[in-house]
Amino acid sequence: MTIEFTQEQVAFLTAPRHAILATNRPGKSPQISPVWYWFEDGEIYVSLRDDTAKFANLRRDPQLSLCVDGGRSDTRCVIVHGDVEMYGNQHPRQLEMRWQIVQHYIADGAAARTYFETTNDGHPVLIRIQPTRLLTHNFA
């Protein structure tokens, strides 16, 4: 099933906003984490580390929810429920999309490069979120 986003929703999601990622902990309440993301062609990409609770949760249960809101002065929000596909540290797509995410949030090129290089020493993993359900608020 392909989720269709309106032009207004695409514009909202392509702005550098923070998102809250919710993964399913085993038998407990959801694990929530603020994340940076990249929206492209109806899919959402998030970079995370393989030593985090959210990674362990997604390996066990590849379903999640992601909420992007407009902040205090913008009452719009987009909530996506979806399934994930994961790409390991050396996967070409992981490196490319992780760089896109960093540049999206850090405008200064040198600062973005420094951040990218200093956060690559661990085991970053890229998750590709394929939306299966879309909820929005205050869009025309």
N, C-alpha and C. Protein backbone atom coordinates (compact mmCIF):
# COMPACT_ATOMS: atom_id res chain seq x y z
N MET A 1 0.85 -1.18 0.00
CA MET A 1 0.00 0.00 0.00
C MET A 1 0.90 1.25 0.00
N THR A 2 0.64 2.15 -0.91
CA THR A 2 1.40 3.40 -0.99
C THR A 2 0.58 4.52 -0.36
N ILE A 3 1.21 5.25 0.54
CA ILE A 3 0.58 6.40 1.18
C ILE A 3 0.86 7.62 0.32
N GLU A 4 -0.17 8.38 0.02
CA GLU A 4 -0.03 9.61 -0.77
C GLU A 4 0.03 10.81 0.17
N PHE A 5 1.03 11.64 -0.02
CA PHE A 5 1.18 12.87 0.76
C PHE A 5 0.77 14.05 -0.11
N THR A 6 0.08 15.03 0.47
CA THR A 6 -0.28 16.23 -0.26
C THR A 6 0.97 17.10 -0.40
N GLN A 7 0.91 18.08 -1.29
CA GLN A 7 2.03 19.01 -1.46
C GLN A 7 2.33 19.76 -0.16
N GLU A 8 1.28 20.13 0.56
CA GLU A 8 1.47 20.84 1.83
C GLU A 8 2.15 19.94 2.87
N GLN A 9 1.78 18.68 2.91
CA GLN A 9 2.42 17.74 3.83
C GLN A 9 3.88 17.50 3.45
N VAL A 10 4.15 17.40 2.16
CA VAL A 10 5.54 17.22 1.70
C VAL A 10 6.38 18.44 2.10
N ALA A 11 5.85 19.65 1.88
CA ALA A 11 6.57 20.87 2.26
C ALA A 11 6.83 20.88 3.77
N PHE A 12 5.87 20.48 4.55
CA PHE A 12 6.00 20.43 6.00
C PHE A 12 7.09 19.43 6.40
N LEU A 13 7.07 18.25 5.81
CA LEU A 13 8.02 17.19 6.18
C LEU A 13 9.43 17.43 5.66
N THR A 14 9.59 18.26 4.63
CA THR A 14 10.93 18.51 4.11
C THR A 14 11.63 19.67 4.82
N ALA A 15 10.93 20.36 5.70
CA ALA A 15 11.56 21.39 6.53
C ALA A 15 12.36 20.69 7.64
N PRO A 16 13.43 21.29 8.13
CA PRO A 16 14.25 20.65 9.17
C PRO A 16 13.59 20.69 10.55
N ARG A 17 12.65 19.83 10.75
CA ARG A 17 11.93 19.73 12.03
C ARG A 17 12.44 18.49 12.78
N HIS A 18 12.26 18.49 14.06
CA HIS A 18 12.56 17.29 14.84
C HIS A 18 11.35 16.36 14.79
N ALA A 19 11.63 15.09 14.96
CA ALA A 19 10.57 14.09 15.01
C ALA A 19 10.72 13.30 16.31
N ILE A 20 9.63 12.70 16.72
CA ILE A 20 9.66 11.78 17.86
C ILE A 20 9.37 10.39 17.30
N LEU A 21 10.32 9.48 17.53
CA LEU A 21 10.24 8.11 17.05
C LEU A 21 9.78 7.22 18.21
N ALA A 22 8.77 6.40 17.96
CA ALA A 22 8.28 5.47 18.97
C ALA A 22 8.46 4.04 18.47
N THR A 23 9.18 3.25 19.26
CA THR A 23 9.37 1.83 18.95
C THR A 23 8.69 1.01 20.05
N ASN A 24 8.50 -0.27 19.78
CA ASN A 24 7.78 -1.14 20.71
C ASN A 24 8.74 -1.91 21.61
N ARG A 25 8.73 -1.57 22.90
CA ARG A 25 9.52 -2.33 23.86
C ARG A 25 8.79 -3.63 24.18
N PRO A 26 9.51 -4.69 24.49
CA PRO A 26 8.84 -5.96 24.75
C PRO A 26 7.98 -5.91 26.02
N GLY A 27 6.66 -6.01 25.83
CA GLY A 27 5.73 -6.08 26.95
C GLY A 27 5.64 -4.84 27.81
N LYS A 28 6.11 -3.71 27.30
CA LYS A 28 6.12 -2.49 28.11
C LYS A 28 5.57 -1.33 27.30
N SER A 29 5.66 -0.14 27.88
CA SER A 29 5.25 1.06 27.18
C SER A 29 6.22 1.34 26.02
N PRO A 30 5.81 2.17 25.07
CA PRO A 30 6.69 2.47 23.92
C PRO A 30 7.97 3.18 24.35
N GLN A 31 9.02 2.96 23.60
CA GLN A 31 10.29 3.69 23.74
C GLN A 31 10.20 4.87 22.80
N ILE A 32 10.34 6.10 23.30
CA ILE A 32 10.28 7.27 22.42
C ILE A 32 11.61 8.01 22.44
N SER A 33 11.96 8.55 21.27
CA SER A 33 13.24 9.23 21.11
C SER A 33 13.11 10.37 20.13
N PRO A 34 13.69 11.55 20.43
CA PRO A 34 13.74 12.61 19.42
C PRO A 34 14.80 12.23 18.39
N VAL A 35 14.50 12.49 17.12
CA VAL A 35 15.42 12.13 16.04
C VAL A 35 15.40 13.19 14.94
N TRP A 36 16.50 13.22 14.18
CA TRP A 36 16.54 13.93 12.91
C TRP A 36 16.11 12.95 11.84
N TYR A 37 15.57 13.47 10.75
CA TYR A 37 15.11 12.58 9.69
C TYR A 37 15.28 13.25 8.34
N TRP A 38 15.09 12.47 7.29
CA TRP A 38 15.09 12.95 5.91
C TRP A 38 13.87 12.35 5.23
N PHE A 39 13.06 13.19 4.59
CA PHE A 39 11.87 12.75 3.87
C PHE A 39 12.15 12.81 2.38
N GLU A 40 11.90 11.70 1.67
CA GLU A 40 12.17 11.65 0.23
C GLU A 40 11.27 10.61 -0.42
N ASP A 41 10.58 11.02 -1.46
CA ASP A 41 9.74 10.11 -2.25
C ASP A 41 8.77 9.30 -1.40
N GLY A 42 8.15 9.95 -0.41
CA GLY A 42 7.15 9.28 0.41
C GLY A 42 7.70 8.37 1.48
N GLU A 43 9.01 8.36 1.66
CA GLU A 43 9.63 7.55 2.70
C GLU A 43 10.44 8.43 3.63
N ILE A 44 10.65 7.94 4.85
CA ILE A 44 11.37 8.70 5.86
C ILE A 44 12.59 7.89 6.27
N TYR A 45 13.72 8.58 6.38
CA TYR A 45 14.98 7.95 6.75
C TYR A 45 15.45 8.54 8.07
N VAL A 46 15.92 7.67 8.96
CA VAL A 46 16.45 8.08 10.26
C VAL A 46 17.74 7.31 10.49
N SER A 47 18.76 7.99 10.98
CA SER A 47 20.00 7.34 11.32
C SER A 47 20.03 7.14 12.83
N LEU A 48 20.44 5.95 13.24
CA LEU A 48 20.58 5.66 14.66
C LEU A 48 21.77 4.73 14.86
N ARG A 49 22.09 4.45 16.10
CA ARG A 49 23.22 3.57 16.40
C ARG A 49 22.72 2.18 16.76
N ASP A 50 23.55 1.18 16.51
CA ASP A 50 23.12 -0.19 16.79
C ASP A 50 23.28 -0.59 18.25
N ASP A 51 23.70 0.35 19.11
CA ASP A 51 23.80 0.06 20.54
C ASP A 51 22.72 0.78 21.35
N THR A 52 21.60 1.11 20.69
CA THR A 52 20.52 1.82 21.36
C THR A 52 19.31 0.91 21.56
N ALA A 53 18.46 1.31 22.50
CA ALA A 53 17.23 0.56 22.76
C ALA A 53 16.33 0.57 21.53
N LYS A 54 16.26 1.70 20.84
CA LYS A 54 15.37 1.76 19.66
C LYS A 54 15.82 0.79 18.58
N PHE A 55 17.13 0.61 18.41
CA PHE A 55 17.62 -0.37 17.44
C PHE A 55 17.24 -1.79 17.86
N ALA A 56 17.46 -2.12 19.12
CA ALA A 56 17.10 -3.45 19.61
C ALA A 56 15.60 -3.70 19.45
N ASN A 57 14.80 -2.68 19.75
CA ASN A 57 13.35 -2.82 19.59
C ASN A 57 12.97 -3.08 18.13
N LEU A 58 13.60 -2.35 17.21
CA LEU A 58 13.27 -2.50 15.79
C LEU A 58 13.76 -3.83 15.21
N ARG A 59 14.84 -4.35 15.72
CA ARG A 59 15.29 -5.69 15.27
C ARG A 59 14.27 -6.75 15.66
N ARG A 60 13.67 -6.57 16.83
CA ARG A 60 12.68 -7.52 17.32
C ARG A 60 11.32 -7.30 16.67
N ASP A 61 10.95 -6.03 16.50
CA ASP A 61 9.64 -5.67 15.96
C ASP A 61 9.82 -4.46 15.04
N PRO A 62 9.84 -4.67 13.73
CA PRO A 62 10.15 -3.59 12.78
C PRO A 62 9.01 -2.62 12.49
N GLN A 63 8.11 -2.45 13.44
CA GLN A 63 7.03 -1.47 13.28
C GLN A 63 7.28 -0.32 14.23
N LEU A 64 6.92 0.89 13.77
CA LEU A 64 7.13 2.07 14.59
C LEU A 64 6.11 3.13 14.27
N SER A 65 6.16 4.19 15.05
CA SER A 65 5.39 5.41 14.79
C SER A 65 6.37 6.57 14.85
N LEU A 66 6.09 7.58 14.05
CA LEU A 66 6.93 8.78 14.01
C LEU A 66 6.01 9.98 13.96
N CYS A 67 6.26 10.95 14.84
CA CYS A 67 5.45 12.17 14.89
C CYS A 67 6.33 13.37 14.61
N VAL A 68 5.92 14.17 13.65
CA VAL A 68 6.59 15.43 13.34
C VAL A 68 5.56 16.53 13.59
N ASP A 69 5.91 17.47 14.48
CA ASP A 69 4.98 18.57 14.73
C ASP A 69 5.63 19.89 14.39
N GLY A 70 4.79 20.90 14.26
CA GLY A 70 5.26 22.21 13.82
C GLY A 70 5.83 23.06 14.92
N GLY A 71 5.72 22.64 16.15
CA GLY A 71 6.21 23.46 17.25
C GLY A 71 5.11 24.35 17.82
N ARG A 72 5.49 25.21 18.68
CA ARG A 72 4.53 26.02 19.43
C ARG A 72 3.63 26.89 18.55
N SER A 73 4.20 27.52 17.54
CA SER A 73 3.42 28.45 16.74
C SER A 73 2.78 27.82 15.50
N ASP A 74 3.02 26.54 15.28
CA ASP A 74 2.49 25.84 14.11
C ASP A 74 1.81 24.57 14.61
N THR A 75 0.49 24.56 14.59
CA THR A 75 -0.26 23.46 15.19
C THR A 75 -0.41 22.23 14.28
N ARG A 76 0.24 22.26 13.12
CA ARG A 76 0.16 21.09 12.24
C ARG A 76 1.03 19.95 12.79
N CYS A 77 0.62 18.73 12.45
CA CYS A 77 1.47 17.59 12.75
C CYS A 77 1.18 16.46 11.77
N VAL A 78 2.19 15.63 11.58
CA VAL A 78 2.08 14.44 10.75
C VAL A 78 2.54 13.27 11.60
N ILE A 79 1.71 12.25 11.67
CA ILE A 79 2.06 11.02 12.37
C ILE A 79 2.05 9.89 11.35
N VAL A 80 3.15 9.18 11.30
CA VAL A 80 3.30 8.07 10.36
C VAL A 80 3.47 6.79 11.16
N HIS A 81 2.72 5.78 10.79
CA HIS A 81 2.95 4.43 11.30
C HIS A 81 3.55 3.67 10.13
N GLY A 82 4.53 2.82 10.42
CA GLY A 82 5.13 2.12 9.31
C GLY A 82 6.03 0.98 9.70
N ASP A 83 6.55 0.35 8.67
CA ASP A 83 7.50 -0.74 8.80
C ASP A 83 8.87 -0.22 8.39
N VAL A 84 9.91 -0.82 8.95
CA VAL A 84 11.26 -0.35 8.65
C VAL A 84 12.09 -1.42 7.94
N GLU A 85 13.01 -0.90 7.18
CA GLU A 85 14.08 -1.69 6.59
C GLU A 85 15.36 -1.07 7.11
N MET A 86 16.35 -1.88 7.49
CA MET A 86 17.57 -1.36 8.09
C MET A 86 18.77 -1.59 7.18
N TYR A 87 19.65 -0.59 7.13
CA TYR A 87 20.89 -0.66 6.35
C TYR A 87 22.06 -0.46 7.30
N GLY A 88 23.02 -1.36 7.29
CA GLY A 88 24.17 -1.31 8.17
C GLY A 88 25.18 -0.24 7.79
N ASN A 89 26.21 -0.15 8.58
CA ASN A 89 27.21 0.92 8.51
C ASN A 89 27.86 1.06 7.15
N GLN A 90 28.16 -0.02 6.45
CA GLN A 90 28.88 0.09 5.19
C GLN A 90 27.98 0.08 3.95
N HIS A 91 26.68 0.03 4.13
CA HIS A 91 25.76 0.06 3.00
C HIS A 91 25.81 1.43 2.34
N PRO A 92 25.97 1.50 1.01
CA PRO A 92 26.07 2.81 0.34
C PRO A 92 24.88 3.73 0.62
N ARG A 93 23.70 3.18 0.72
CA ARG A 93 22.51 4.00 0.98
C ARG A 93 22.59 4.61 2.39
N GLN A 94 23.16 3.87 3.32
CA GLN A 94 23.28 4.36 4.69
C GLN A 94 24.17 5.60 4.72
N LEU A 95 25.31 5.53 4.07
CA LEU A 95 26.23 6.67 4.06
C LEU A 95 25.61 7.88 3.37
N GLU A 96 25.00 7.65 2.23
CA GLU A 96 24.39 8.74 1.45
C GLU A 96 23.27 9.42 2.22
N MET A 97 22.34 8.64 2.79
CA MET A 97 21.20 9.24 3.47
C MET A 97 21.60 9.86 4.82
N ARG A 98 22.55 9.26 5.49
CA ARG A 98 23.03 9.84 6.74
C ARG A 98 23.64 11.22 6.48
N TRP A 99 24.37 11.35 5.39
CA TRP A 99 24.95 12.64 5.01
C TRP A 99 23.83 13.64 4.68
N GLN A 100 22.79 13.19 4.00
CA GLN A 100 21.64 14.06 3.70
C GLN A 100 21.01 14.58 4.99
N ILE A 101 20.83 13.68 5.95
CA ILE A 101 20.22 14.06 7.23
C ILE A 101 21.08 15.11 7.94
N VAL A 102 22.37 14.86 8.03
CA VAL A 102 23.26 15.80 8.72
C VAL A 102 23.24 17.16 8.05
N GLN A 103 23.34 17.21 6.73
CA GLN A 103 23.32 18.49 6.01
C GLN A 103 21.99 19.22 6.17
N HIS A 104 20.93 18.46 6.33
CA HIS A 104 19.59 19.04 6.48
C HIS A 104 19.48 19.85 7.78
N TYR A 105 20.18 19.39 8.81
CA TYR A 105 20.09 20.04 10.12
C TYR A 105 21.26 20.94 10.46
N ILE A 106 22.39 20.75 9.81
CA ILE A 106 23.57 21.59 10.06
C ILE A 106 23.92 22.29 8.74
N ALA A 107 23.56 23.56 8.64
CA ALA A 107 23.71 24.30 7.38
C ALA A 107 25.16 24.57 7.01
N ASP A 108 26.01 24.80 7.99
CA ASP A 108 27.42 25.09 7.71
C ASP A 108 28.11 23.81 7.23
N GLY A 109 28.65 23.83 6.02
CA GLY A 109 29.25 22.65 5.41
C GLY A 109 30.38 22.03 6.21
N ALA A 110 31.28 22.86 6.74
CA ALA A 110 32.40 22.34 7.52
C ALA A 110 31.92 21.72 8.82
N ALA A 111 30.97 22.36 9.47
CA ALA A 111 30.43 21.83 10.72
C ALA A 111 29.67 20.52 10.46
N ALA A 112 28.95 20.47 9.34
CA ALA A 112 28.23 19.24 8.98
C ALA A 112 29.22 18.10 8.74
N ARG A 113 30.29 18.37 8.02
CA ARG A 113 31.30 17.34 7.74
C ARG A 113 31.95 16.84 9.03
N THR A 114 32.28 17.77 9.92
CA THR A 114 32.89 17.39 11.20
C THR A 114 31.94 16.50 12.00
N TYR A 115 30.68 16.90 12.08
CA TYR A 115 29.69 16.10 12.81
C TYR A 115 29.55 14.72 12.18
N PHE A 116 29.44 14.67 10.88
CA PHE A 116 29.28 13.40 10.16
C PHE A 116 30.46 12.47 10.44
N GLU A 117 31.66 12.99 10.37
CA GLU A 117 32.86 12.17 10.57
C GLU A 117 33.02 11.72 12.02
N THR A 118 32.70 12.59 12.96
CA THR A 118 32.88 12.22 14.37
C THR A 118 31.79 11.28 14.87
N THR A 119 30.67 11.21 14.19
CA THR A 119 29.61 10.28 14.61
C THR A 119 29.63 8.99 13.81
N ASN A 120 30.62 8.82 12.96
CA ASN A 120 30.71 7.60 12.15
C ASN A 120 31.60 6.56 12.80
N ASP A 121 32.19 6.87 13.97
CA ASP A 121 33.11 5.93 14.60
C ASP A 121 32.40 4.78 15.31
N GLY A 122 31.11 4.90 15.52
CA GLY A 122 30.35 3.82 16.14
C GLY A 122 29.80 2.90 15.07
N HIS A 123 28.60 2.49 15.24
CA HIS A 123 27.95 1.60 14.29
C HIS A 123 26.62 2.19 13.88
N PRO A 124 26.63 3.23 13.05
CA PRO A 124 25.37 3.82 12.63
C PRO A 124 24.58 2.87 11.73
N VAL A 125 23.28 2.96 11.86
CA VAL A 125 22.35 2.17 11.07
C VAL A 125 21.32 3.13 10.50
N LEU A 126 20.98 2.96 9.25
CA LEU A 126 19.94 3.77 8.63
C LEU A 126 18.66 2.95 8.63
N ILE A 127 17.57 3.58 9.06
CA ILE A 127 16.28 2.92 8.91
C ILE A 127 15.48 3.66 7.86
N ARG A 128 14.85 2.89 7.00
CA ARG A 128 13.96 3.44 5.98
C ARG A 128 12.55 3.09 6.39
N ILE A 129 11.75 4.13 6.64
CA ILE A 129 10.37 3.93 7.09
C ILE A 129 9.45 3.96 5.88
N GLN A 130 8.74 2.87 5.71
CA GLN A 130 7.75 2.78 4.65
C GLN A 130 6.38 2.98 5.31
N PRO A 131 5.77 4.17 5.13
CA PRO A 131 4.51 4.45 5.82
C PRO A 131 3.40 3.48 5.42
N THR A 132 2.68 3.01 6.44
CA THR A 132 1.52 2.16 6.21
C THR A 132 0.23 2.86 6.63
N ARG A 133 0.36 3.90 7.44
CA ARG A 133 -0.78 4.67 7.88
C ARG A 133 -0.34 6.10 8.14
N LEU A 134 -1.19 7.05 7.80
CA LEU A 134 -0.87 8.47 7.93
C LEU A 134 -1.99 9.17 8.66
N LEU A 135 -1.64 9.92 9.71
CA LEU A 135 -2.58 10.76 10.43
C LEU A 135 -2.03 12.18 10.39
N THR A 136 -2.88 13.16 10.13
CA THR A 136 -2.42 14.55 10.10
C THR A 136 -3.39 15.43 10.87
N HIS A 137 -2.90 16.61 11.23
CA HIS A 137 -3.71 17.57 11.96
C HIS A 137 -3.45 18.96 11.42
N ASN A 138 -4.54 19.70 11.15
CA ASN A 138 -4.52 21.10 10.72
C ASN A 138 -3.87 21.33 9.35
N PHE A 139 -4.06 20.40 8.44
CA PHE A 139 -3.68 20.62 7.05
C PHE A 139 -4.95 20.89 6.27
N ALA A 140 -4.84 21.73 5.23
CA ALA A 140 -6.02 22.09 4.44
C ALA A 140 -6.60 20.89 3.72
